[in-house]
C-alpha atoms as a PDB file:
ATOM      1  CA  MET A   1      58.706 159.068 -71.989  1.00  0.00           C
ATOM      2  CA  ILE A   2      61.543 157.348 -73.333  1.00  0.00           C
ATOM      3  CA  ARG A   3      62.229 159.804 -76.250  1.00  0.00           C
ATOM      4  CA  ALA A   4      61.085 162.832 -73.994  1.00  0.00           C
ATOM      5  CA  SER A   5      64.136 162.081 -71.322  1.00  0.00           C
ATOM      6  CA  ARG A   6      67.323 163.727 -71.335  1.00  0.00           C
ATOM      7  CA  GLY A   7      69.112 161.219 -69.377  1.00  0.00           C
ATOM      8  CA  PRO A   8      70.085 157.604 -69.268  1.00  0.00           C
ATOM      9  CA  VAL A   9      67.211 155.611 -69.468  1.00  0.00           C
ATOM     10  CA  ARG A  10      66.885 152.124 -67.827  1.00  0.00           C
ATOM     11  CA  SER A  11      64.807 149.398 -66.557  1.00  0.00           C
ATOM     12  CA  VAL A  12      65.894 146.975 -63.839  1.00  0.00           C
ATOM     13  CA  VAL A  13      64.368 143.199 -63.576  1.00  0.00           C
ATOM     14  CA  VAL A  14      64.711 141.810 -60.195  1.00  0.00           C
ATOM     15  CA  SER A  15      64.827 137.969 -60.618  1.00  0.00           C
ATOM     16  CA  GLY A  16      61.993 135.631 -58.737  1.00  0.00           C
ATOM     17  CA  THR A  17      59.767 139.059 -58.324  1.00  0.00           C
ATOM     18  CA  GLN A  18      56.427 140.022 -59.759  1.00  0.00           C
ATOM     19  CA  HIS A  19      54.429 143.070 -59.725  1.00  0.00           C
ATOM     20  CA  PHE A  20      53.503 143.213 -55.818  1.00  0.00           C
ATOM     21  CA  ASP A  21      56.808 142.394 -54.516  1.00  0.00           C
ATOM     22  CA  PHE A  22      57.741 145.798 -54.817  1.00  0.00           C
ATOM     23  CA  THR A  23      54.759 146.820 -52.527  1.00  0.00           C
ATOM     24  CA  ASP A  24      54.251 146.344 -48.693  1.00  0.00           C
ATOM     25  CA  TYR A  25      52.000 143.309 -49.482  1.00  0.00           C
ATOM     26  CA  ALA A  26      55.241 141.374 -49.539  1.00  0.00           C
ATOM     27  CA  ALA A  27      56.109 141.858 -46.191  1.00  0.00           C
ATOM     28  CA  TYR A  28      53.055 141.619 -44.660  1.00  0.00           C
ATOM     29  CA  ARG A  29      52.768 138.447 -42.552  1.00  0.00           C
ATOM     30  CA  PHE A  30      49.287 138.351 -41.782  1.00  0.00           C
ATOM     31  CA  LEU A  31      48.458 137.807 -45.285  1.00  0.00           C
ATOM     32  CA  PHE A  32      50.294 134.503 -45.398  1.00  0.00           C
ATOM     33  CA  PRO A  33      46.719 132.619 -46.516  1.00  0.00           C
ATOM     34  CA  LEU A  34      46.363 135.153 -48.871  1.00  0.00           C
ATOM     35  CA  ARG A  35      50.078 134.973 -50.673  1.00  0.00           C
ATOM     36  CA  ASP A  36      48.850 132.439 -53.288  1.00  0.00           C
ATOM     37  CA  LEU A  37      46.007 134.968 -54.731  1.00  0.00           C
ATOM     38  CA  LEU A  38      48.459 137.685 -55.017  1.00  0.00           C
ATOM     39  CA  PRO A  39      51.317 138.039 -57.977  1.00  0.00           C
ATOM     40  CA  LEU A  40      54.139 137.503 -55.868  1.00  0.00           C
ATOM     41  CA  GLY A  41      57.363 136.116 -56.880  1.00  0.00           C
ATOM     42  CA  SER A  42      59.624 133.338 -55.756  1.00  0.00           C
ATOM     43  CA  ARG A  43      62.192 135.758 -53.610  1.00  0.00           C
ATOM     44  CA  PRO A  44      61.083 136.410 -50.316  1.00  0.00           C
ATOM     45  CA  GLY A  45      59.285 139.729 -49.568  1.00  0.00           C
ATOM     46  CA  ALA A  46      61.504 141.354 -47.335  1.00  0.00           C
ATOM     47  CA  GLU A  47      64.534 140.558 -49.722  1.00  0.00           C
ATOM     48  CA  SER A  48      62.751 142.197 -52.647  1.00  0.00           C
ATOM     49  CA  LEU A  49      61.886 145.041 -50.474  1.00  0.00           C
ATOM     50  CA  VAL A  50      65.613 145.572 -49.625  1.00  0.00           C
ATOM     51  CA  ILE A  51      66.533 145.220 -53.172  1.00  0.00           C
ATOM     52  CA  SER A  52      64.153 147.885 -54.493  1.00  0.00           C
ATOM     53  CA  GLU A  53      65.316 150.258 -51.599  1.00  0.00           C
ATOM     54  CA  LYS A  54      68.638 149.633 -52.666  1.00  0.00           C
ATOM     55  CA  CYS A  55      67.710 150.781 -56.441  1.00  0.00           C
ATOM     56  CA  LEU A  56      65.482 153.402 -55.269  1.00  0.00           C
ATOM     57  CA  LEU A  57      68.967 155.098 -53.326  1.00  0.00           C
ATOM     58  CA  ASP A  58      70.944 154.600 -56.637  1.00  0.00           C
ATOM     59  CA  PHE A  59      68.633 156.355 -58.839  1.00  0.00           C
ATOM     60  CA  THR A  60      68.256 159.287 -56.101  1.00  0.00           C
ATOM     61  CA  ALA A  61      71.896 159.352 -55.892  1.00  0.00           C
ATOM     62  CA  GLU A  62      72.339 159.376 -59.881  1.00  0.00           C
ATOM     63  CA  THR A  63      69.836 161.778 -60.295  1.00  0.00           C
ATOM     64  CA  ASN A  64      71.436 164.096 -57.726  1.00  0.00           C
ATOM     65  CA  ARG A  65      74.697 163.753 -59.801  1.00  0.00           C
ATOM     66  CA  ARG A  66      75.993 161.184 -57.182  1.00  0.00           C
ATOM     67  CA  ARG A  67      77.782 158.204 -57.504  1.00  0.00           C
ATOM     68  CA  PRO A  68      75.247 155.296 -57.317  1.00  0.00           C
ATOM     69  CA  GLU A  69      76.399 152.993 -54.215  1.00  0.00           C
ATOM     70  CA  TYR A  70      74.776 149.608 -54.560  1.00  0.00           C
ATOM     71  CA  GLY A  71      75.302 148.841 -58.502  1.00  0.00           C
ATOM     72  CA  CYS A  72      71.449 148.505 -59.204  1.00  0.00           C
ATOM     73  CA  LEU A  73      71.601 150.758 -62.234  1.00  0.00           C
ATOM     74  CA  ASP A  74      74.136 149.050 -64.014  1.00  0.00           C
ATOM     75  CA  GLY A  75      73.428 145.299 -63.063  1.00  0.00           C
ATOM     76  CA  HIS A  76      76.122 144.725 -60.353  1.00  0.00           C
ATOM     77  CA  LEU A  77      73.320 144.478 -57.608  1.00  0.00           C
ATOM     78  CA  GLY A  78      72.834 140.490 -57.107  1.00  0.00           C
ATOM     79  CA  GLY A  79      69.781 139.352 -58.421  1.00  0.00           C
ATOM     80  CA  THR A  80      69.389 142.194 -61.054  1.00  0.00           C
ATOM     81  CA  THR A  81      69.716 142.606 -64.747  1.00  0.00           C
ATOM     82  CA  THR A  82      69.554 146.336 -66.502  1.00  0.00           C
ATOM     83  CA  ARG A  83      68.250 147.272 -69.695  1.00  0.00           C
ATOM     84  CA  SER A  84      69.249 150.570 -71.187  1.00  0.00           C
ATOM     85  CA  TRP A  85      66.817 152.162 -73.710  1.00  0.00           C
ATOM     86  CA  GLY A  86      68.376 153.845 -76.483  1.00  0.00           C
ATOM     87  CA  HIS A  87      70.279 156.787 -75.457  1.00  0.00           C
ATOM     88  CA  ASP A  88      72.562 158.047 -72.439  1.00  0.00           C
ATOM     89  CA  SER A  89      73.106 161.628 -71.055  1.00  0.00           C
ATOM     90  CA  ASN A  90      76.131 161.839 -73.290  1.00  0.00           C
ATOM     91  CA  SER A  91      73.925 161.864 -76.494  1.00  0.00           C
ATOM     92  CA  HIS A  92      72.719 165.360 -76.353  1.00  0.00           C
END
């Protein structure tokens, strides 16, 4: 996928999170007894979902050739780091 892409390629890491932090499971209160069984990080679930929403909004803005608002894609959103993979939109 990275080689086939034409635009910037990045991955975003949100500190204190794991896979299920980016699903509704992280916010379900009734699952409290089950939280220890799910791959959830130390960051509060609601906070993880807000960060992922901001990253999605930044991605959508950039994809639609608008300026990203929250800084997620360049690592300026608190709690995130970004890794670029190989090339950017200026390399083609």
